[in-house]
Amino acid sequence: MRFADRLLLWLAAALLVGAAPALSQAQPARPLADFAHARWMVDQGAPADIWTLALSPSGVLWLGTGQGLYRFDGVRFEPYPLREGERLASNNINALHLEANGDIWIGLFAGGAVRLRDGRITAFNEGQGLPGGRVLRFARGADGVLWAAAGEGLARFDGQRWQRIGRERGYQDEGADYVFTDRRGNLWVAGIQRLYWLPPGETQFRDTGEVISRNAVLVEDRAGRVWMSEGLRGIRPLPDYPGGAPTASSRQLPPAFNGDQSHELRAKQLLFADDGSLWMTQAGVGVRRVREAASVPTDHSLTEADGVELFARRDGLPANVVVPLVQGMDGEVWVGSNHGLSSFRLQRLQRLQGFDSSEPAGFAVALAGDGVLALSGRRALTWSPPRPPEPAPVEREFRAAVRDATGTLWLVHGDGVWREREGRRERVWLYEQRRQYVAKALAPDQKGGAWVAAQGAGVFRIDADGSTHREPRLELQGNLPTAIVVAADGTAWFAYDDLLLSLKGAELRRHGAAQGLHVGRATTLLVDRRGQVYVGGEAGFARFDGRQFVTLTNEQEDVFTHVTGVVESASGDLWLNGGRGLVQLAARELAALPASGQARPNYRLLDWRDGLPGIALQATPVPTLVVDAQQRLWAATNGGVAWLDTAHVTRSERAIGVDILGLRAADRSFRPEAGLTLPAGTRAAVIRYSALTLAAADRARFRYRLDGVDTDWQDADTRREAAYANLGPGDYRFRVVAANADGVWSTREATLDFRIAAYAWQTRGFVLACTLLALALVAGTYLLRTRALAAHVRRELEARHRERERIARELHDTLLQSTQGLILHIQGVASSMPAVDPTRQRIEALLDRADQVVIEARERVLDLRTLQADGTELLDSLRSVGEELHREGVDFQVVSHGTPRPLDRTVIDQLGCIGLEALRNAFAHAQATTIHVEVSFGAQEFQLSIRDNGVGLPAAWQMDGGREGHWGLAGMRERAKQIGARLTFNSGAEGGTTVEVRVPGRVAYVAVDRP
């Protein structure tokens, strides 16, 4: 009778909730056995006593523990970074609530609440209106008001203080254990005796009539039903009280309510996952799950008979003392315990059950019908899901199997190679009994035969009729191929250590390191539909287009190493079975690989978290990865056999962000905040960042750059910090992006702007001042040097002037006076002779000439005593010289530029001699038709140039100072040096010579009033 009553109640409840049916599921929830469990124990850095979990909108998991507040990014646990001087009153956290603005509310076991904002604490307790007792739960109502459930009451936050809610608002309980807002905006509160709800927009709470015990928890399923767990009636979906269902006090309760409830389940926390399943934690028991929770009738208390799954410590849970539950952005479920943290993630691959992972004979797969034949030792199964596996007859321990295009199955055994066709199995090649051969590689061809490489036997081909033919050309000094494949066109490819041979007919070609192959020992081969060859090796993976290789080495990505199976899907993607798991290379990534050199493509990795039992089986003569007629991948690993439906494999397209955690420099940690300035003298910095993903977070990859230092993005792989050295003062911007575990890169950059302060001597003003000072010093030094040189030249000229005056005095006082006396004596002698005496007439003529000589000598003495002369004197002198040397057919001109100024006498003398020599050379040797003399009175210098269009001056003469045994050019250089002038000779390739003399103005010019 009792069972009948409960059945009638279930039917009535089903009718009551008919107005709000559960959401239909596209696919039924998969069993808990299909979830990969990962855990982080206390000895791995996880905090102990995890009592509450919360997921931020960005994807970061926060943990409220008995040791404080922690952040988890899927890889590392880090305590919440409080600012210096800030301390929590207690580290034992019960409640945790994250706000959209970044605020974090925590409820403390010792009582009171704390708001954390940017590393600063604001504490609230009874003095700020918060009820006493431990705070167990926060919730924000539909109107934006924050509510808190505390041991001694219910309260709401008005933005400044907490306000206690009591009987005046219809809430009759003296305490509150749980507060929760459903999707319709109703606020639910589990008191210590009754369950209440507050409709949106109203101020008065309503009593559901549900009599409850302490420690009640609430959750909402996908259909909008509110579920509750408490100590009196366990876990059950509630009637739709806000929708008009009668309260519990006005209806008959199920018979189980007053009976024995020991068989009913209890929960510390409840969670409805995206697949509709209900997850429950029960302290001391573990994690429970109901796959089809939508089918549970309203008001029905869950029992073990409702198909409840259990995952406990014996299954790998860190501990059975579990409390909090939360679902991540990628569907994974997180569970906290007192010994660590766990996650449950739906596996993408499904494992062939029944094969022992410790089987020493290993595993092999080969196509069979629309599924596969799986081998392990003396066991064989044929499997084509969704049909269950079926045993297959096998009489030997075959360690490898491969099926060719004709349907023939080739098998490798310890005694030889076997072939199965048309239901008959036969041995086609027998190992010699006295020798133990080991098959290194086997590959069927397109004609019913196969190629085999066996250690100790060599390389040979087995024909369709079973006859064998050895091919010594493929045995390279005892080295045999370790991978073989036959293309559709009949070309056989043989792979060795960094070497690939192709055999088509009798033509054998060699391809290797010279074309870019660097994969180490070959492990597998594939020829795709386009005829490109892929080579897997222990140290890398390569593509060969017939001319050169594109190699992916272990230095770039270790996921491309130890690949023993490669297949091409119908979409053109490549799937690799390697040392890290299954790797997917999309067709677009393959097309983007460079034509030569190394590449770093985007990829997706599936490993143990996705259900792959181990890694690719190594040292196998046939590929470890096959694709069946339904485009399902089958992988043989060192732990078993698993399959993946490539047409329906889930892929996370969610582009993840990056969170910059902080910067460390000069043994100090800095928060990533606006206006960050590092101390002067900082030369190195380490920037820490994290991906905003929890699903397989250790597979997230990063790229970063520091503007002002990096010229391009740096590929960091999975590293979560960037280190820089040799930094100088200035402004910097650090940028970083990430890819999720499925290789989807985000375009959203996380940035950190910071500045390194400068010492006084590192500022721009100081550098500019030093630059100006240096320029001033250089200019001053130059001016002082030129003045010193000018003074030196001036002293030499003055010494020459004094010498000229001495010579002039000597000439005047001695030679001229003596000459004049001699003339007078001769004049006296001539006067005593007859006037008509011819001798007297001749003497008088000579005396007249002597008088002219004396006059000229006096003029020269006058010149010697004169320190300056008009610049036109030099022009006249050069003009007269040119006119004397002038000959028919030569255009001779003298031109002056600028206002003539008085020139130093010594300068005129030296320039006159230089000009005379230049004119003589031009007229005598140049064979010129044009000779021009130019004099320029510049402000800074005096310039004299003699140009002709003659045969030119040989370059050797210019460098050596003239012809050997001739001193004209050398003398010109010496005279220029004596007056501090710069003398240059320019002669072009087409002829013509220019002699140019430049004298500094301070040397050449003399002041007008100078005595």
Foldseek 3Di string as FASTA:
>chain_A
DQVVLVVVVLVVLCVLCVVQAFDDFPDFFDDLVLWDKDWQFVVNAFAFAFQAWDAAPQQWIWTQGQQAIWIDQQRHIDHDAADPPADDPGSHWAEWDADNVGWIWTWHQQAWIWIADPRHIDTAGVVQADDGGTWHYWDAFPVRWIWTFHAQAIWIDPPRGIHGDDVVQAHDARGWRYWDAFPQRWIWTHGQFFIWIDHPPDRHIDTLQDTFHPLKYWDAFNSGWIWIAGDQQGIFTARPVVVPDHGPVPDDARPVNPPDRPQFHGANYWDQFPSRKIWGADAPFAIKIQRNVSPRGGNDTDGVVNVIDGDAVVNPDQHSGWHYWDATPVGWIKIHGRGTIMIIGRAQWDFQPDDFLPQPLFKEWEDDDQFIWIAGFQWIWTDDPPPHIDTDHDDGRWSYWYADPVRKIWTDHFFAIWIDDPRDIDGLDGDDPVDGKAWLAWEAEPQQKIWTAIQPPAIWIQHNVSDIGHDCVQCDVNFHFNEWYADPVGWIWGHAAQKIWIDDPNDIDIDGVVQPRHQGGWQYWDQDPVRWIWTAHQFWIWIHPPRHIAIDGVVQPVQRHQWNAWDAFPQRWIWTFGQAGIKIDHNVQVVPRDPDYYDRTFIAGRHVSNPDFHGADGSDRHGQWDAGPQRKIWGGHSRHIIIGRVVDRDDDQDFWFKAWQWKDWPNDTDGQDPAAEAEAPTFKMKTFMAISHNVPRQQKWKWKDKPPPDPDIDTPGSDGMDMGGRDHFDKIKIWMWIADNRRNTDPDIDIGIYTYDHDPCRDPVNVVVVVVVVVVVVVVVVVVVVVVVLVVLVVLLVVQLVVLLVVLCCCVVPVLVVLVVVLVVLVVVLVPDDPPDVVSVVSVVVSVVSVVVSVVSNVSSVLSNDFKDKPVVLVVLLVVLLVVLDDPQAAEEEEEEDDIAIWTSLVSVLVSLLSSLVSCCCSPPFPFNYWYWYWYDDPFKTKIKIKTQGAWDDPVCQVVQHDPPDCSSVSNVVSLVSQVWDWHWDADPNGMIMIMIIGTPSRTHDDPPDD
